[in-house]
C-alpha cells in the first residue's frame, strides 16, 4: 500500500493557521463580498449556459467583453497595489511572486477550457449557478472537487 505524502501548502492558501482563533463573524465581510460578486455574475448573465456557449462558438462578444474588462481591472488593481503598497483586508502586506511557465499549464488550460465548454460552467460561477436554482450544476461542482483532489493526489507524478 502506498503511503500518502503531505504536499506543502503555499502560505497564501494556508488559511487554517492565519484564521485560527478568529471569531466566525470576522469572516462575514468576505462572505458579503462573495455574495455581491455572485449577484453581479447573475445580473451580468455570465453564469448563463447560453452566454458561455455563444462565447465558445464565437457568436457573441458579451463574454469576451466581460473577461477583457476583468483582465484590465486586474492589471490596474495590481499596478495600484504595487504603487501605493496597499494591504489586504486583514492588514497583511500583499506581495507578488514571479511564476515559471511550464508545459503543464498548456495542458491544464486546455482541460479547463474543454470542461468549461462542455458543462457551461467554470469554478467561479458554479456557486452562483447553484444559488439560482440550477442544481444540476452540483454534478459539475463535485467533478471539479474530485479533479482537484486527483491532481493533488498525483501531483508529484505529473509533468511540471
Protein backbone atom coordinates (compact mmCIF):
# COMPACT_ATOMS: atom_id res chain seq x y z
CA UNK A 1 0.00 0.00 0.00
CA UNK A 2 1.32 3.43 -0.96
CA UNK A 3 1.97 5.90 1.84
CA UNK A 4 0.33 9.29 1.31
CA UNK A 5 2.70 12.20 1.29
CA UNK A 6 1.69 15.59 2.60
CA UNK A 7 2.03 18.30 -0.02
CA UNK A 8 3.24 21.63 1.34
CA UNK A 9 0.51 24.25 1.12
CA UNK A 10 1.58 27.72 -0.05
CA UNK A 11 1.44 30.44 2.59
CA UNK A 12 -1.26 32.42 0.80
CA UNK A 13 -3.54 29.38 0.80
CA UNK A 14 -2.83 28.38 4.41
CA UNK A 15 -5.90 29.98 5.93
CA UNK A 16 -6.02 27.46 8.75
CA UNK A 17 -3.13 28.94 10.68
CA UNK A 18 -3.94 32.56 9.77
CA UNK A 19 -7.58 32.39 10.79
CA UNK A 20 -7.39 30.03 13.75
CA UNK A 21 -8.62 31.77 16.86
CA UNK A 22 -10.73 34.25 14.89
CA UNK A 23 -14.42 34.57 15.59
CA UNK A 24 -16.75 33.22 12.91
CA UNK A 25 -18.25 36.64 12.26
CA UNK A 26 -14.81 38.01 11.37
CA UNK A 27 -15.18 36.26 8.00
CA UNK A 28 -18.60 37.84 7.41
CA UNK A 29 -17.16 40.60 5.25
CA UNK A 30 -15.64 38.02 2.91
CA UNK A 31 -18.99 36.23 2.65
CA UNK A 32 -20.63 39.58 1.88
CA UNK A 33 -18.14 40.30 -0.91
CA UNK A 34 -18.74 36.78 -2.30
CA UNK A 35 -22.49 37.30 -2.19
CA UNK A 36 -22.22 40.64 -4.01
CA UNK A 37 -19.88 39.06 -6.56
CA UNK A 38 -22.44 36.30 -7.17
CA UNK A 39 -25.20 38.87 -7.69
CA UNK A 40 -23.02 40.67 -10.25
CA UNK A 41 -22.40 37.33 -12.03
CA UNK A 42 -26.15 36.71 -12.26
CA UNK A 43 -27.05 40.24 -13.38
CA UNK A 44 -24.25 40.31 -15.98
CA UNK A 45 -25.52 36.96 -17.33
CA UNK A 46 -22.05 35.44 -17.18
CA UNK A 47 -23.39 32.35 -15.44
CA UNK A 48 -25.76 31.68 -18.32
CA UNK A 49 -25.06 28.44 -20.15
CA UNK A 50 -26.31 30.10 -23.34
CA UNK A 51 -23.87 33.02 -22.98
CA UNK A 52 -20.99 30.61 -22.41
CA UNK A 53 -21.97 28.56 -25.47
CA UNK A 54 -22.16 31.78 -27.54
CA UNK A 55 -18.61 32.58 -26.45
CA UNK A 56 -17.19 29.19 -27.40
CA UNK A 57 -18.99 29.34 -30.77
CA UNK A 58 -17.74 32.91 -31.40
CA UNK A 59 -21.34 34.10 -31.78
CA UNK A 60 -21.27 36.97 -29.27
CA UNK A 61 -18.82 39.48 -27.84
CA UNK A 62 -20.55 39.59 -24.42
CA UNK A 63 -18.32 37.14 -22.55
CA UNK A 64 -15.14 38.37 -24.24
CA UNK A 65 -16.04 41.89 -23.13
CA UNK A 66 -16.57 40.72 -19.55
CA UNK A 67 -13.32 38.72 -19.49
CA UNK A 68 -11.38 41.55 -21.16
CA UNK A 69 -12.67 44.12 -18.68
CA UNK A 70 -11.77 41.74 -15.82
CA UNK A 71 -8.22 41.43 -17.16
CA UNK A 72 -7.90 45.22 -17.43
CA UNK A 73 -9.33 45.67 -13.93
CA UNK A 74 -6.86 43.10 -12.61
CA UNK A 75 -3.93 44.83 -14.30
CA UNK A 76 -4.97 48.21 -12.92
CA UNK A 77 -5.52 46.72 -9.45
CA UNK A 78 -2.08 45.08 -9.36
CA UNK A 79 -0.46 48.31 -10.52
CA UNK A 80 -2.27 50.31 -7.81
CA UNK A 81 -1.44 47.73 -5.11
CA UNK A 82 2.24 47.87 -6.03
CA UNK A 83 2.35 51.66 -6.41
CA UNK A 84 0.58 52.52 -3.15
CA UNK A 85 1.60 49.37 -1.22
CA UNK A 86 -1.98 48.61 -0.26
CA UNK A 87 -2.65 45.89 2.28
CA UNK A 88 -5.18 43.07 2.38
CA UNK A 89 -8.42 43.41 4.36
CA UNK A 90 -6.76 41.67 7.32
CA UNK A 91 -3.86 44.17 7.27
CA UNK A 92 -1.34 41.78 5.72
CA UNK A 93 1.13 43.11 3.14
CA UNK A 94 0.27 41.99 -0.41
CA UNK A 95 3.21 40.51 -2.31
CA UNK A 96 3.59 39.14 -5.83
CA UNK A 97 5.92 36.30 -6.83
CA UNK A 98 7.20 35.55 -10.32
CA UNK A 99 5.84 32.30 -11.72
CA UNK A 100 7.73 29.98 -14.01
CA UNK A 101 5.98 28.81 -17.17
CA UNK A 102 5.83 25.09 -17.90
CA UNK A 103 4.02 22.94 -20.46
CA UNK A 104 1.64 21.51 -17.88
CA UNK A 105 -0.08 24.90 -17.82
CA UNK A 106 -0.98 24.49 -21.50
CA UNK A 107 -2.47 21.03 -20.92
CA UNK A 108 -4.27 22.25 -17.79
CA UNK A 109 -5.67 25.24 -19.67
CA UNK A 110 -6.92 23.02 -22.47
CA UNK A 111 -8.59 20.66 -19.98
CA UNK A 112 -10.10 23.63 -18.14
CA UNK A 113 -11.46 25.12 -21.38
CA UNK A 114 -12.85 21.77 -22.52
CA UNK A 115 -14.64 21.29 -19.20
CA UNK A 116 -15.92 24.85 -19.32
CA UNK A 117 -17.27 24.39 -22.86
CA UNK A 118 -18.89 21.02 -22.08
CA UNK A 119 -20.51 21.99 -18.79
CA UNK A 120 -21.16 25.68 -19.39
CA UNK A 121 -19.57 26.48 -16.04
CA UNK A 122 -16.18 27.41 -14.65
CA UNK A 123 -15.32 27.27 -10.93
CA UNK A 124 -16.16 30.92 -10.17
CA UNK A 125 -19.82 30.95 -11.18
CA UNK A 126 -20.63 27.39 -10.03
CA UNK A 127 -21.99 28.54 -6.69
CA UNK A 128 -23.97 31.38 -8.30
CA UNK A 129 -25.49 28.91 -10.75
CA UNK A 130 -26.48 26.57 -7.92
CA UNK A 131 -27.83 29.55 -5.99
CA UNK A 132 -30.12 30.47 -8.88
CA UNK A 133 -31.68 27.00 -8.78
CA UNK A 134 -29.61 25.21 -11.42
CA UNK A 135 -29.00 22.32 -9.03
CA UNK A 136 -27.76 20.04 -11.83
CA UNK A 137 -24.55 22.11 -11.67
CA UNK A 138 -23.85 20.29 -8.39
CA UNK A 139 -22.53 17.46 -10.59
CA UNK A 140 -20.04 19.92 -12.12
CA UNK A 141 -19.07 21.17 -8.65
CA UNK A 142 -18.46 17.63 -7.39
CA UNK A 143 -16.46 16.89 -10.55
CA UNK A 144 -14.32 19.99 -10.00
CA UNK A 145 -13.66 18.99 -6.38
CA UNK A 146 -12.83 15.43 -7.47
CA UNK A 147 -10.49 16.71 -10.20
CA UNK A 148 -8.73 18.96 -7.69
CA UNK A 149 -8.31 16.02 -5.31
CA UNK A 150 -6.96 13.77 -8.10
CA UNK A 151 -4.46 16.46 -9.12
CA UNK A 152 -3.32 16.88 -5.53
CA UNK A 153 -3.01 13.12 -5.10
CA UNK A 154 -0.93 12.57 -8.26
CA UNK A 155 0.78 15.97 -8.48
CA UNK A 156 4.28 14.62 -7.92
CA UNK A 157 3.88 12.11 -10.75
CA UNK A 158 2.64 14.67 -13.30
CA UNK A 159 4.96 16.60 -15.65
CA UNK A 160 5.72 20.06 -14.31
